Amino acid sequence: MTEQFPYAAVACRVLHNVFYRKPTQAFLAELASADLPDRWPDFGTDPTPALTQIRSSLEQDEFDAIERDYYRLFVGPGPMAAYPWGSVYTDKENLVCGATTLAFNQFCREQGIAFELDHNEPEDHIGLVLAVLGQLFEAESEVAIKALLTHHLLPWSHRVTEEMAAQAQTGFYRGFGELTAMLLKDWQQALDVTPDTLVLHK
């Protein structure tokens, strides 16, 4: 899969923005003009159905509907429909900044990756983890890529994408949830990764 690492890095950057940044009209316009169904790389599983959902949502849904969906899923106020932090799933009390957060922070330090965040928050946000994964793909650090997938993303990421599939009210976030799940499965298979088995509490 090494020849696809540059494309995987680009995919991770897009997903980082989808999960971590609140949508802006400029970003949605950029995605709409990019013609994703024709330009998105194929890592094994046909991404067309997910990308078609995303494109249809960009064409049909008002910006306010996509923005509301983002807040419902990932921000609040109140309970979130798809909590984006790994520790919410891996901590038995569903708390952020749990043991898996600390383990991911240690991994990043070992890789020489430092976060410059706008505000104090747990680093195991799926959008931030995907950003780190993108950096590792860009650096072609296969050992580190496999370690991140094995220990710090695949053990819990499916819970986020499952909740997006069940709870998203726009095709934009349903489609990106499906696309993320698909990519992670393809990369898992291509790199022969066996994720850690963790007890999930949410």
C-alpha atoms as a PDB file:
ATOM      1  CA  MET A   1       0.000   0.000   0.000  1.00  0.00           C
ATOM      2  CA  THR A   2       3.010   2.285   0.293  1.00  0.00           C
ATOM      3  CA  GLU A   3       2.362   3.822  -3.142  1.00  0.00           C
ATOM      4  CA  GLN A   4      -1.000   5.017  -1.806  1.00  0.00           C
ATOM      5  CA  PHE A   5       0.400   6.701   1.305  1.00  0.00           C
ATOM      6  CA  PRO A   6       0.320  10.213  -0.262  1.00  0.00           C
ATOM      7  CA  TYR A   7      -3.365   9.771  -1.151  1.00  0.00           C
ATOM      8  CA  ALA A   8      -4.113   8.450   2.314  1.00  0.00           C
ATOM      9  CA  ALA A   9      -2.452  11.552   3.789  1.00  0.00           C
ATOM     10  CA  VAL A  10      -4.749  13.799   1.737  1.00  0.00           C
ATOM     11  CA  ALA A  11      -7.810  11.771   2.762  1.00  0.00           C
ATOM     12  CA  CYS A  12      -6.850  12.130   6.430  1.00  0.00           C
ATOM     13  CA  ARG A  13      -6.536  15.896   6.068  1.00  0.00           C
ATOM     14  CA  VAL A  14     -10.034  16.118   4.611  1.00  0.00           C
ATOM     15  CA  LEU A  15     -11.462  13.916   7.369  1.00  0.00           C
ATOM     16  CA  HIS A  16      -9.657  15.945  10.034  1.00  0.00           C
ATOM     17  CA  ASN A  17     -11.460  19.060   8.816  1.00  0.00           C
ATOM     18  CA  VAL A  18     -14.810  17.271   8.637  1.00  0.00           C
ATOM     19  CA  PHE A  19     -14.613  15.942  12.188  1.00  0.00           C
ATOM     20  CA  TYR A  20     -12.652  18.626  14.001  1.00  0.00           C
ATOM     21  CA  ARG A  21     -13.589  21.928  12.376  1.00  0.00           C
ATOM     22  CA  LYS A  22     -17.107  23.300  12.428  1.00  0.00           C
ATOM     23  CA  PRO A  23     -18.323  23.549   8.845  1.00  0.00           C
ATOM     24  CA  THR A  24     -17.952  26.813   6.987  1.00  0.00           C
ATOM     25  CA  GLN A  25     -19.605  27.808   3.752  1.00  0.00           C
ATOM     26  CA  ALA A  26     -16.159  28.161   2.180  1.00  0.00           C
ATOM     27  CA  PHE A  27     -15.158  24.608   3.136  1.00  0.00           C
ATOM     28  CA  LEU A  28     -18.425  23.124   1.888  1.00  0.00           C
ATOM     29  CA  ALA A  29     -18.086  25.054  -1.376  1.00  0.00           C
ATOM     30  CA  GLU A  30     -14.544  23.721  -1.762  1.00  0.00           C
ATOM     31  CA  LEU A  31     -15.764  20.150  -1.286  1.00  0.00           C
ATOM     32  CA  ALA A  32     -18.637  20.693  -3.714  1.00  0.00           C
ATOM     33  CA  SER A  33     -16.292  22.017  -6.398  1.00  0.00           C
ATOM     34  CA  ALA A  34     -13.756  19.219  -5.872  1.00  0.00           C
ATOM     35  CA  ASP A  35     -16.047  16.611  -7.511  1.00  0.00           C
ATOM     36  CA  LEU A  36     -15.237  14.041  -4.839  1.00  0.00           C
ATOM     37  CA  PRO A  37     -16.923  11.045  -6.529  1.00  0.00           C
ATOM     38  CA  ASP A  38     -14.499  11.351  -9.459  1.00  0.00           C
ATOM     39  CA  ARG A  39     -11.370  12.399  -7.590  1.00  0.00           C
ATOM     40  CA  TRP A  40     -11.459  10.497  -4.291  1.00  0.00           C
ATOM     41  CA  PRO A  41      -8.887   7.666  -4.219  1.00  0.00           C
ATOM     42  CA  ASP A  42     -10.079   4.059  -4.102  1.00  0.00           C
ATOM     43  CA  PHE A  43      -8.271   2.065  -1.414  1.00  0.00           C
ATOM     44  CA  GLY A  44     -10.176  -1.167  -2.013  1.00  0.00           C
ATOM     45  CA  THR A  45     -13.828  -0.636  -1.194  1.00  0.00           C
ATOM     46  CA  ASP A  46     -15.847   1.366  -3.709  1.00  0.00           C
ATOM     47  CA  PRO A  47     -16.387   4.794  -2.082  1.00  0.00           C
ATOM     48  CA  THR A  48     -19.004   5.919  -4.613  1.00  0.00           C
ATOM     49  CA  PRO A  49     -22.158   5.355  -2.477  1.00  0.00           C
ATOM     50  CA  ALA A  50     -20.758   7.362   0.450  1.00  0.00           C
ATOM     51  CA  LEU A  51     -19.421  10.105  -1.795  1.00  0.00           C
ATOM     52  CA  THR A  52     -22.733  10.328  -3.638  1.00  0.00           C
ATOM     53  CA  GLN A  53     -24.512  10.881  -0.304  1.00  0.00           C
ATOM     54  CA  ILE A  54     -22.083  13.655   0.521  1.00  0.00           C
ATOM     55  CA  ARG A  55     -22.470  15.334  -2.861  1.00  0.00           C
ATOM     56  CA  SER A  56     -26.272  15.116  -2.720  1.00  0.00           C
ATOM     57  CA  SER A  57     -26.252  16.695   0.735  1.00  0.00           C
ATOM     58  CA  LEU A  58     -23.983  19.494  -0.438  1.00  0.00           C
ATOM     59  CA  GLU A  59     -26.378  20.160  -3.302  1.00  0.00           C
ATOM     60  CA  GLN A  60     -29.645  19.872  -1.381  1.00  0.00           C
ATOM     61  CA  ASP A  61     -29.097  20.698   2.297  1.00  0.00           C
ATOM     62  CA  GLU A  62     -28.960  24.233   3.594  1.00  0.00           C
ATOM     63  CA  PHE A  63     -25.727  25.276   5.292  1.00  0.00           C
ATOM     64  CA  ASP A  64     -27.612  25.723   8.586  1.00  0.00           C
ATOM     65  CA  ALA A  65     -28.779  22.092   8.489  1.00  0.00           C
ATOM     66  CA  ILE A  66     -25.230  20.775   8.073  1.00  0.00           C
ATOM     67  CA  GLU A  67     -23.948  23.108  10.787  1.00  0.00           C
ATOM     68  CA  ARG A  68     -26.694  22.000  13.207  1.00  0.00           C
ATOM     69  CA  ASP A  69     -25.860  18.374  12.475  1.00  0.00           C
ATOM     70  CA  TYR A  70     -22.212  19.004  13.341  1.00  0.00           C
ATOM     71  CA  TYR A  71     -23.118  20.479  16.698  1.00  0.00           C
ATOM     72  CA  ARG A  72     -25.633  17.692  17.458  1.00  0.00           C
ATOM     73  CA  LEU A  73     -23.086  15.002  16.677  1.00  0.00           C
ATOM     74  CA  PHE A  74     -19.817  16.328  18.065  1.00  0.00           C
ATOM     75  CA  VAL A  75     -20.214  19.448  20.214  1.00  0.00           C
ATOM     76  CA  GLY A  76     -23.504  19.905  22.054  1.00  0.00           C
ATOM     77  CA  PRO A  77     -24.857  21.616  24.100  1.00  0.00           C
ATOM     78  CA  GLY A  78     -26.051  18.621  26.027  1.00  0.00           C
ATOM     79  CA  PRO A  79     -25.325  14.977  25.225  1.00  0.00           C
ATOM     80  CA  MET A  80     -23.620  14.453  21.874  1.00  0.00           C
ATOM     81  CA  ALA A  81     -24.953  11.987  19.340  1.00  0.00           C
ATOM     82  CA  ALA A  82     -21.465  10.772  18.331  1.00  0.00           C
ATOM     83  CA  TYR A  83     -18.849  11.606  20.958  1.00  0.00           C
ATOM     84  CA  PRO A  84     -15.586  12.215  19.082  1.00  0.00           C
ATOM     85  CA  TRP A  85     -13.133  11.313  21.899  1.00  0.00           C
ATOM     86  CA  GLY A  86     -11.793   7.796  22.227  1.00  0.00           C
ATOM     87  CA  SER A  87     -11.673   7.911  26.002  1.00  0.00           C
ATOM     88  CA  VAL A  88     -15.460   8.376  26.222  1.00  0.00           C
ATOM     89  CA  TYR A  89     -15.763   4.848  24.827  1.00  0.00           C
ATOM     90  CA  THR A  90     -12.782   3.237  26.553  1.00  0.00           C
ATOM     91  CA  ASP A  91     -13.217   4.727  30.045  1.00  0.00           C
ATOM     92  CA  LYS A  92     -15.718   2.820  32.177  1.00  0.00           C
ATOM     93  CA  GLU A  93     -17.169   6.091  33.442  1.00  0.00           C
ATOM     94  CA  ASN A  94     -17.181   7.624  29.932  1.00  0.00           C
ATOM     95  CA  LEU A  95     -14.776  10.357  31.001  1.00  0.00           C
ATOM     96  CA  VAL A  96     -12.432  12.273  28.731  1.00  0.00           C
ATOM     97  CA  CYS A  97      -8.686  12.343  29.401  1.00  0.00           C
ATOM     98  CA  GLY A  98      -8.623   8.686  30.444  1.00  0.00           C
ATOM     99  CA  ALA A  99      -5.839   6.128  30.115  1.00  0.00           C
ATOM    100  CA  THR A 100      -6.214   5.841  26.345  1.00  0.00           C
ATOM    101  CA  THR A 101      -5.857   9.623  25.996  1.00  0.00           C
ATOM    102  CA  LEU A 102      -2.617   9.529  27.959  1.00  0.00           C
ATOM    103  CA  ALA A 103      -1.359   6.602  25.881  1.00  0.00           C
ATOM    104  CA  PHE A 104      -2.062   8.501  22.651  1.00  0.00           C
ATOM    105  CA  ASN A 105      -0.290  11.588  24.025  1.00  0.00           C
ATOM    106  CA  GLN A 106       2.743   9.437  24.842  1.00  0.00           C
ATOM    107  CA  PHE A 107       2.692   7.945  21.341  1.00  0.00           C
ATOM    108  CA  CYS A 108       2.651  11.431  19.813  1.00  0.00           C
ATOM    109  CA  ARG A 109       5.575  12.537  21.970  1.00  0.00           C
ATOM    110  CA  GLU A 110       7.535   9.486  20.840  1.00  0.00           C
ATOM    111  CA  GLN A 111       6.828  10.431  17.218  1.00  0.00           C
ATOM    112  CA  GLY A 112       7.879  14.039  17.798  1.00  0.00           C
ATOM    113  CA  ILE A 113       4.361  15.326  17.144  1.00  0.00           C
ATOM    114  CA  ALA A 114       3.158  18.264  19.229  1.00  0.00           C
ATOM    115  CA  PHE A 115      -0.351  19.697  19.275  1.00  0.00           C
ATOM    116  CA  GLU A 116      -1.025  23.424  19.012  1.00  0.00           C
ATOM    117  CA  LEU A 117      -4.696  23.595  19.953  1.00  0.00           C
ATOM    118  CA  ASP A 118      -6.872  26.676  20.143  1.00  0.00           C
ATOM    119  CA  HIS A 119      -8.141  25.657  23.576  1.00  0.00           C
ATOM    120  CA  ASN A 120      -7.514  23.021  26.211  1.00  0.00           C
ATOM    121  CA  GLU A 121      -9.143  19.746  25.206  1.00  0.00           C
ATOM    122  CA  PRO A 122      -8.430  15.995  25.063  1.00  0.00           C
ATOM    123  CA  GLU A 123      -6.124  15.108  22.195  1.00  0.00           C
ATOM    124  CA  ASP A 124      -7.836  11.801  21.394  1.00  0.00           C
ATOM    125  CA  HIS A 125     -10.512  13.542  19.324  1.00  0.00           C
ATOM    126  CA  ILE A 126     -11.021  11.443  16.186  1.00  0.00           C
ATOM    127  CA  GLY A 127     -10.301  14.485  14.044  1.00  0.00           C
ATOM    128  CA  LEU A 128      -6.941  15.047  15.765  1.00  0.00           C
ATOM    129  CA  VAL A 129      -6.039  11.352  15.634  1.00  0.00           C
ATOM    130  CA  LEU A 130      -6.745  11.388  11.892  1.00  0.00           C
ATOM    131  CA  ALA A 131      -4.552  14.478  11.528  1.00  0.00           C
ATOM    132  CA  VAL A 132      -1.680  12.618  13.192  1.00  0.00           C
ATOM    133  CA  LEU A 133      -2.339   9.590  10.996  1.00  0.00           C
ATOM    134  CA  GLY A 134      -2.144  11.876   7.965  1.00  0.00           C
ATOM    135  CA  GLN A 135       1.248  13.183   9.097  1.00  0.00           C
ATOM    136  CA  LEU A 136       2.505   9.626   9.457  1.00  0.00           C
ATOM    137  CA  PHE A 137       1.220   8.675   5.997  1.00  0.00           C
ATOM    138  CA  GLU A 138       2.950  11.762   4.601  1.00  0.00           C
ATOM    139  CA  ALA A 139       6.198  10.727   6.300  1.00  0.00           C
ATOM    140  CA  GLU A 140       5.685   7.126   5.081  1.00  0.00           C
ATOM    141  CA  SER A 141       6.253   5.892   8.644  1.00  0.00           C
ATOM    142  CA  GLU A 142       4.650   2.489   8.200  1.00  0.00           C
ATOM    143  CA  VAL A 143       5.604   1.142  11.642  1.00  0.00           C
ATOM    144  CA  ALA A 144       4.088   4.198  13.350  1.00  0.00           C
ATOM    145  CA  ILE A 145       0.999   4.100  11.101  1.00  0.00           C
ATOM    146  CA  LYS A 146       0.349   0.504  12.098  1.00  0.00           C
ATOM    147  CA  ALA A 147       0.918   1.297  15.778  1.00  0.00           C
ATOM    148  CA  LEU A 148      -1.531   4.204  15.694  1.00  0.00           C
ATOM    149  CA  LEU A 149      -4.197   2.116  13.989  1.00  0.00           C
ATOM    150  CA  THR A 150      -3.627  -0.863  16.277  1.00  0.00           C
ATOM    151  CA  HIS A 151      -3.562   0.895  19.630  1.00  0.00           C
ATOM    152  CA  HIS A 152      -5.044   4.367  19.296  1.00  0.00           C
ATOM    153  CA  LEU A 153      -7.783   4.470  16.642  1.00  0.00           C
ATOM    154  CA  LEU A 154      -9.267   1.189  15.422  1.00  0.00           C
ATOM    155  CA  PRO A 155     -10.182  -0.134  18.897  1.00  0.00           C
ATOM    156  CA  TRP A 156     -12.888   2.560  19.249  1.00  0.00           C
ATOM    157  CA  SER A 157     -13.354   4.528  16.021  1.00  0.00           C
ATOM    158  CA  HIS A 158     -16.145   2.242  14.809  1.00  0.00           C
ATOM    159  CA  ARG A 159     -18.344   3.483  17.649  1.00  0.00           C
ATOM    160  CA  VAL A 160     -18.110   7.042  16.309  1.00  0.00           C
ATOM    161  CA  THR A 161     -18.916   6.019  12.746  1.00  0.00           C
ATOM    162  CA  GLU A 162     -21.757   3.744  13.879  1.00  0.00           C
ATOM    163  CA  GLU A 163     -23.325   6.600  15.820  1.00  0.00           C
ATOM    164  CA  MET A 164     -22.935   8.876  12.817  1.00  0.00           C
ATOM    165  CA  ALA A 165     -24.724   6.322  10.633  1.00  0.00           C
ATOM    166  CA  ALA A 166     -27.555   6.061  13.150  1.00  0.00           C
ATOM    167  CA  GLN A 167     -27.839   9.653  14.333  1.00  0.00           C
ATOM    168  CA  ALA A 168     -26.727  12.022  11.554  1.00  0.00           C
ATOM    169  CA  GLN A 169     -29.560  14.048  10.071  1.00  0.00           C
ATOM    170  CA  THR A 170     -27.732  15.018   6.873  1.00  0.00           C
ATOM    171  CA  GLY A 171     -26.225  12.900   4.152  1.00  0.00           C
ATOM    172  CA  PHE A 172     -23.059  14.956   4.585  1.00  0.00           C
ATOM    173  CA  TYR A 173     -22.198  13.458   7.966  1.00  0.00           C
ATOM    174  CA  ARG A 174     -23.775  10.048   7.253  1.00  0.00           C
ATOM    175  CA  GLY A 175     -21.670   9.842   4.125  1.00  0.00           C
ATOM    176  CA  PHE A 176     -18.453  10.922   5.827  1.00  0.00           C
ATOM    177  CA  GLY A 177     -19.123   8.451   8.643  1.00  0.00           C
ATOM    178  CA  GLU A 178     -19.480   5.641   6.098  1.00  0.00           C
ATOM    179  CA  LEU A 179     -16.432   6.849   4.177  1.00  0.00           C
ATOM    180  CA  THR A 180     -14.289   6.950   7.327  1.00  0.00           C
ATOM    181  CA  ALA A 181     -15.328   3.449   8.378  1.00  0.00           C
ATOM    182  CA  MET A 182     -14.583   2.188   4.875  1.00  0.00           C
ATOM    183  CA  LEU A 183     -11.141   3.786   4.710  1.00  0.00           C
ATOM    184  CA  LEU A 184     -10.095   2.495   8.111  1.00  0.00           C
ATOM    185  CA  LYS A 185     -11.207  -1.030   7.199  1.00  0.00           C
ATOM    186  CA  ASP A 186      -9.306  -0.878   3.899  1.00  0.00           C
ATOM    187  CA  TRP A 187      -6.145   0.405   5.603  1.00  0.00           C
ATOM    188  CA  GLN A 188      -6.458  -2.220   8.327  1.00  0.00           C
ATOM    189  CA  GLN A 189      -6.603  -4.965   5.726  1.00  0.00           C
ATOM    190  CA  ALA A 190      -3.914  -3.527   3.452  1.00  0.00           C
ATOM    191  CA  LEU A 191      -1.464  -3.110   6.354  1.00  0.00           C
ATOM    192  CA  ASP A 192      -2.439  -6.389   8.057  1.00  0.00           C
ATOM    193  CA  VAL A 193      -3.337  -4.668  11.326  1.00  0.00           C
ATOM    194  CA  THR A 194      -5.036  -6.474  14.221  1.00  0.00           C
ATOM    195  CA  PRO A 195      -6.546  -3.839  16.527  1.00  0.00           C
ATOM    196  CA  ASP A 196      -6.264  -4.114  20.285  1.00  0.00           C
ATOM    197  CA  THR A 197      -9.377  -5.547  21.878  1.00  0.00           C
ATOM    198  CA  LEU A 198     -10.666  -3.025  24.424  1.00  0.00           C
ATOM    199  CA  VAL A 199     -13.818  -3.133  26.477  1.00  0.00           C
ATOM    200  CA  LEU A 200     -15.990  -0.270  25.290  1.00  0.00           C
ATOM    201  CA  HIS A 201     -18.381   1.352  27.741  1.00  0.00           C
ATOM    202  CA  LYS A 202     -20.503   3.406  25.358  1.00  0.00           C
END
